[in-house]
C-alpha atoms as a PDB file:
ATOM      1  CA  UNK A   1       0.000   0.000   0.000  1.00  0.00           C
ATOM      2  CA  UNK A   2       1.299   3.432  -0.918  1.00  0.00           C
ATOM      3  CA  UNK A   3      -0.212   6.809  -0.109  1.00  0.00           C
ATOM      4  CA  UNK A   4       1.529   9.729  -1.803  1.00  0.00           C
ATOM      5  CA  UNK A   5       0.947  13.319  -0.779  1.00  0.00           C
ATOM      6  CA  UNK A   6       2.382  16.154  -2.788  1.00  0.00           C
ATOM      7  CA  UNK A   7       1.184  19.695  -2.306  1.00  0.00           C
ATOM      8  CA  UNK A   8       2.540  21.086   0.964  1.00  0.00           C
ATOM      9  CA  UNK A   9       3.452  24.724   0.889  1.00  0.00           C
ATOM     10  CA  UNK A  10       4.033  28.017   2.667  1.00  0.00           C
ATOM     11  CA  UNK A  11       0.798  29.989   2.894  1.00  0.00           C
ATOM     12  CA  UNK A  12      -0.022  33.389   4.355  1.00  0.00           C
ATOM     13  CA  UNK A  13      -2.583  33.627   7.167  1.00  0.00           C
ATOM     14  CA  UNK A  14      -6.075  33.712   5.732  1.00  0.00           C
ATOM     15  CA  UNK A  15      -4.964  31.846   2.641  1.00  0.00           C
ATOM     16  CA  UNK A  16      -6.065  28.538   1.162  1.00  0.00           C
ATOM     17  CA  UNK A  17      -4.387  25.322   0.137  1.00  0.00           C
ATOM     18  CA  UNK A  18      -5.573  21.984  -1.201  1.00  0.00           C
ATOM     19  CA  UNK A  19      -3.777  18.809  -0.257  1.00  0.00           C
ATOM     20  CA  UNK A  20      -4.108  15.605  -2.201  1.00  0.00           C
ATOM     21  CA  UNK A  21      -3.299  11.983  -1.455  1.00  0.00           C
ATOM     22  CA  UNK A  22      -3.160   9.333  -4.167  1.00  0.00           C
ATOM     23  CA  UNK A  23      -3.436   5.701  -3.157  1.00  0.00           C
ATOM     24  CA  UNK A  24      -2.163   2.531  -4.764  1.00  0.00           C
ATOM     25  CA  UNK A  25      -2.057  -1.067  -3.655  1.00  0.00           C
ATOM     26  CA  UNK A  26      -5.396  -0.997  -1.858  1.00  0.00           C
ATOM     27  CA  UNK A  27      -9.074  -0.982  -2.749  1.00  0.00           C
ATOM     28  CA  UNK A  28      -9.429   2.760  -2.303  1.00  0.00           C
ATOM     29  CA  UNK A  29     -13.202   2.725  -2.696  1.00  0.00           C
ATOM     30  CA  UNK A  30     -13.399   0.155   0.085  1.00  0.00           C
ATOM     31  CA  UNK A  31     -11.637   2.277   2.697  1.00  0.00           C
ATOM     32  CA  UNK A  32     -12.653   5.223   4.787  1.00  0.00           C
ATOM     33  CA  UNK A  33      -9.845   7.788   4.621  1.00  0.00           C
ATOM     34  CA  UNK A  34      -8.504  10.179   7.181  1.00  0.00           C
ATOM     35  CA  UNK A  35      -6.331  13.258   7.475  1.00  0.00           C
ATOM     36  CA  UNK A  36      -4.100  13.803  10.481  1.00  0.00           C
ATOM     37  CA  UNK A  37      -1.589  16.468  11.378  1.00  0.00           C
ATOM     38  CA  UNK A  38       1.319  16.828  13.747  1.00  0.00           C
ATOM     39  CA  UNK A  39       2.727  20.147  14.844  1.00  0.00           C
ATOM     40  CA  UNK A  40       6.209  20.463  16.380  1.00  0.00           C
ATOM     41  CA  UNK A  41       6.190  19.254  19.949  1.00  0.00           C
ATOM     42  CA  UNK A  42       2.601  18.042  19.764  1.00  0.00           C
ATOM     43  CA  UNK A  43       0.900  14.710  19.323  1.00  0.00           C
ATOM     44  CA  UNK A  44      -0.593  13.664  16.022  1.00  0.00           C
ATOM     45  CA  UNK A  45      -4.222  14.714  15.877  1.00  0.00           C
ATOM     46  CA  UNK A  46      -7.120  13.705  13.692  1.00  0.00           C
ATOM     47  CA  UNK A  47      -8.276  16.395  11.279  1.00  0.00           C
ATOM     48  CA  UNK A  48     -10.947  14.632   9.250  1.00  0.00           C
ATOM     49  CA  UNK A  49     -12.373  11.315   8.181  1.00  0.00           C
ATOM     50  CA  UNK A  50     -14.508  10.620   5.117  1.00  0.00           C
ATOM     51  CA  UNK A  51     -16.314   7.348   4.533  1.00  0.00           C
ATOM     52  CA  UNK A  52     -16.113   5.285   1.378  1.00  0.00           C
ATOM     53  CA  UNK A  53     -19.071   6.918  -0.377  1.00  0.00           C
ATOM     54  CA  UNK A  54     -18.433  10.442   0.899  1.00  0.00           C
ATOM     55  CA  UNK A  55     -21.832  10.270   2.578  1.00  0.00           C
ATOM     56  CA  UNK A  56     -20.448  11.151   5.994  1.00  0.00           C
ATOM     57  CA  UNK A  57     -17.462  13.218   7.036  1.00  0.00           C
ATOM     58  CA  UNK A  58     -16.055  14.014  10.463  1.00  0.00           C
ATOM     59  CA  UNK A  59     -13.946  17.042  11.382  1.00  0.00           C
ATOM     60  CA  UNK A  60     -11.955  18.175  14.357  1.00  0.00           C
ATOM     61  CA  UNK A  61     -13.566  21.164  16.068  1.00  0.00           C
ATOM     62  CA  UNK A  62     -10.474  23.233  15.334  1.00  0.00           C
ATOM     63  CA  UNK A  63     -10.983  22.951  11.561  1.00  0.00           C
ATOM     64  CA  UNK A  64     -14.757  22.644  11.242  1.00  0.00           C
ATOM     65  CA  UNK A  65     -16.138  25.187   8.797  1.00  0.00           C
ATOM     66  CA  UNK A  66     -12.689  25.879   7.315  1.00  0.00           C
ATOM     67  CA  UNK A  67     -11.519  22.509   6.007  1.00  0.00           C
ATOM     68  CA  UNK A  68     -13.354  20.189   3.638  1.00  0.00           C
ATOM     69  CA  UNK A  69     -12.382  16.615   2.899  1.00  0.00           C
ATOM     70  CA  UNK A  70     -13.445  14.982  -0.353  1.00  0.00           C
ATOM     71  CA  UNK A  71     -12.496  11.990  -2.452  1.00  0.00           C
ATOM     72  CA  UNK A  72     -12.591  10.762  -6.027  1.00  0.00           C
ATOM     73  CA  UNK A  73     -12.758   6.987  -5.953  1.00  0.00           C
ATOM     74  CA  UNK A  74     -12.286   6.781  -9.726  1.00  0.00           C
ATOM     75  CA  UNK A  75      -8.901   8.495  -9.315  1.00  0.00           C
ATOM     76  CA  UNK A  76      -7.967   6.807  -6.013  1.00  0.00           C
ATOM     77  CA  UNK A  77      -7.430  10.283  -4.614  1.00  0.00           C
ATOM     78  CA  UNK A  78      -8.297  11.986  -1.357  1.00  0.00           C
ATOM     79  CA  UNK A  79      -8.359  15.771  -0.953  1.00  0.00           C
ATOM     80  CA  UNK A  80      -8.314  18.282   1.862  1.00  0.00           C
ATOM     81  CA  UNK A  81      -9.354  21.821   0.992  1.00  0.00           C
ATOM     82  CA  UNK A  82      -8.073  24.174   3.675  1.00  0.00           C
ATOM     83  CA  UNK A  83      -9.404  27.720   3.835  1.00  0.00           C
ATOM     84  CA  UNK A  84      -8.848  30.591   6.261  1.00  0.00           C
ATOM     85  CA  UNK A  85      -5.554  29.064   7.303  1.00  0.00           C
ATOM     86  CA  UNK A  86      -3.997  30.269  10.531  1.00  0.00           C
ATOM     87  CA  UNK A  87      -0.501  29.902  11.995  1.00  0.00           C
ATOM     88  CA  UNK A  88      -1.811  27.228  14.366  1.00  0.00           C
ATOM     89  CA  UNK A  89      -2.593  25.074  11.322  1.00  0.00           C
ATOM     90  CA  UNK A  90       1.146  24.755  10.681  1.00  0.00           C
ATOM     91  CA  UNK A  91       1.974  21.059  10.828  1.00  0.00           C
ATOM     92  CA  UNK A  92       2.928  18.003   8.859  1.00  0.00           C
ATOM     93  CA  UNK A  93      -0.252  16.633   7.327  1.00  0.00           C
ATOM     94  CA  UNK A  94      -0.737  12.908   6.783  1.00  0.00           C
ATOM     95  CA  UNK A  95      -3.362  10.969   4.926  1.00  0.00           C
ATOM     96  CA  UNK A  96      -4.302   7.522   6.166  1.00  0.00           C
ATOM     97  CA  UNK A  97      -6.400   4.574   5.079  1.00  0.00           C
ATOM     98  CA  UNK A  98      -8.800   3.259   7.673  1.00  0.00           C
ATOM     99  CA  UNK A  99      -9.743  -0.338   8.304  1.00  0.00           C
ATOM    100  CA  UNK A 100     -13.282  -0.594   6.955  1.00  0.00           C
ATOM    101  CA  UNK A 101     -15.530   1.644   4.924  1.00  0.00           C
ATOM    102  CA  UNK A 102     -16.937   3.796   7.718  1.00  0.00           C
ATOM    103  CA  UNK A 103     -15.297   6.363   9.968  1.00  0.00           C
ATOM    104  CA  UNK A 104     -17.222   5.719  13.221  1.00  0.00           C
ATOM    105  CA  UNK A 105     -17.006   7.700  16.426  1.00  0.00           C
ATOM    106  CA  UNK A 106     -13.385   6.612  16.913  1.00  0.00           C
ATOM    107  CA  UNK A 107     -12.290   8.218  13.665  1.00  0.00           C
ATOM    108  CA  UNK A 108      -9.629  10.383  15.286  1.00  0.00           C
ATOM    109  CA  UNK A 109      -7.694   7.471  16.792  1.00  0.00           C
ATOM    110  CA  UNK A 110      -4.570   6.795  14.768  1.00  0.00           C
ATOM    111  CA  UNK A 111      -4.620   3.114  15.660  1.00  0.00           C
ATOM    112  CA  UNK A 112      -7.695   2.540  13.506  1.00  0.00           C
ATOM    113  CA  UNK A 113      -5.714   3.319  10.331  1.00  0.00           C
ATOM    114  CA  UNK A 114      -3.485   0.726   8.742  1.00  0.00           C
ATOM    115  CA  UNK A 115      -1.674   2.703   6.050  1.00  0.00           C
ATOM    116  CA  UNK A 116      -0.120   6.165   6.130  1.00  0.00           C
ATOM    117  CA  UNK A 117       1.281   8.677   3.691  1.00  0.00           C
ATOM    118  CA  UNK A 118       4.739  10.128   4.146  1.00  0.00           C
ATOM    119  CA  UNK A 119       3.388  13.482   5.263  1.00  0.00           C
ATOM    120  CA  UNK A 120       3.595  16.936   3.716  1.00  0.00           C
ATOM    121  CA  UNK A 121       4.605  20.166   5.420  1.00  0.00           C
ATOM    122  CA  UNK A 122       2.098  22.994   5.592  1.00  0.00           C
ATOM    123  CA  UNK A 123       3.420  26.266   7.001  1.00  0.00           C
ATOM    124  CA  UNK A 124       1.155  29.226   7.637  1.00  0.00           C
ATOM    125  CA  UNK A 125       3.164  32.365   8.150  1.00  0.00           C
ATOM    126  CA  UNK A 126       3.433  35.937   6.940  1.00  0.00           C
END
């Protein structure tokens, strides 16, 4: 299984950025997918989870209303649209494939994901 994430960047506060994550070696349409992030000196935290049909999506309170997760199962690709970015959003962002097709209430627990991308750096600074 390989999850590849290009697209990290330096963005000014208030700006936008879209991350992508392309999967290979797994049945992408059969997996719920998550986004996590880890800031320096902090634990990895769940950002979002989207189920296999995009019919339900979970978000961390800190990003709700600003970030939108989506997926294109035909392209084996997961996206994270990030708007109104703030310096506290600075982190390494990881995509992850979840065991099963649904996110569930435990979506933010890293242990429920069995494959991870390499991470991409997002820096929000003026």
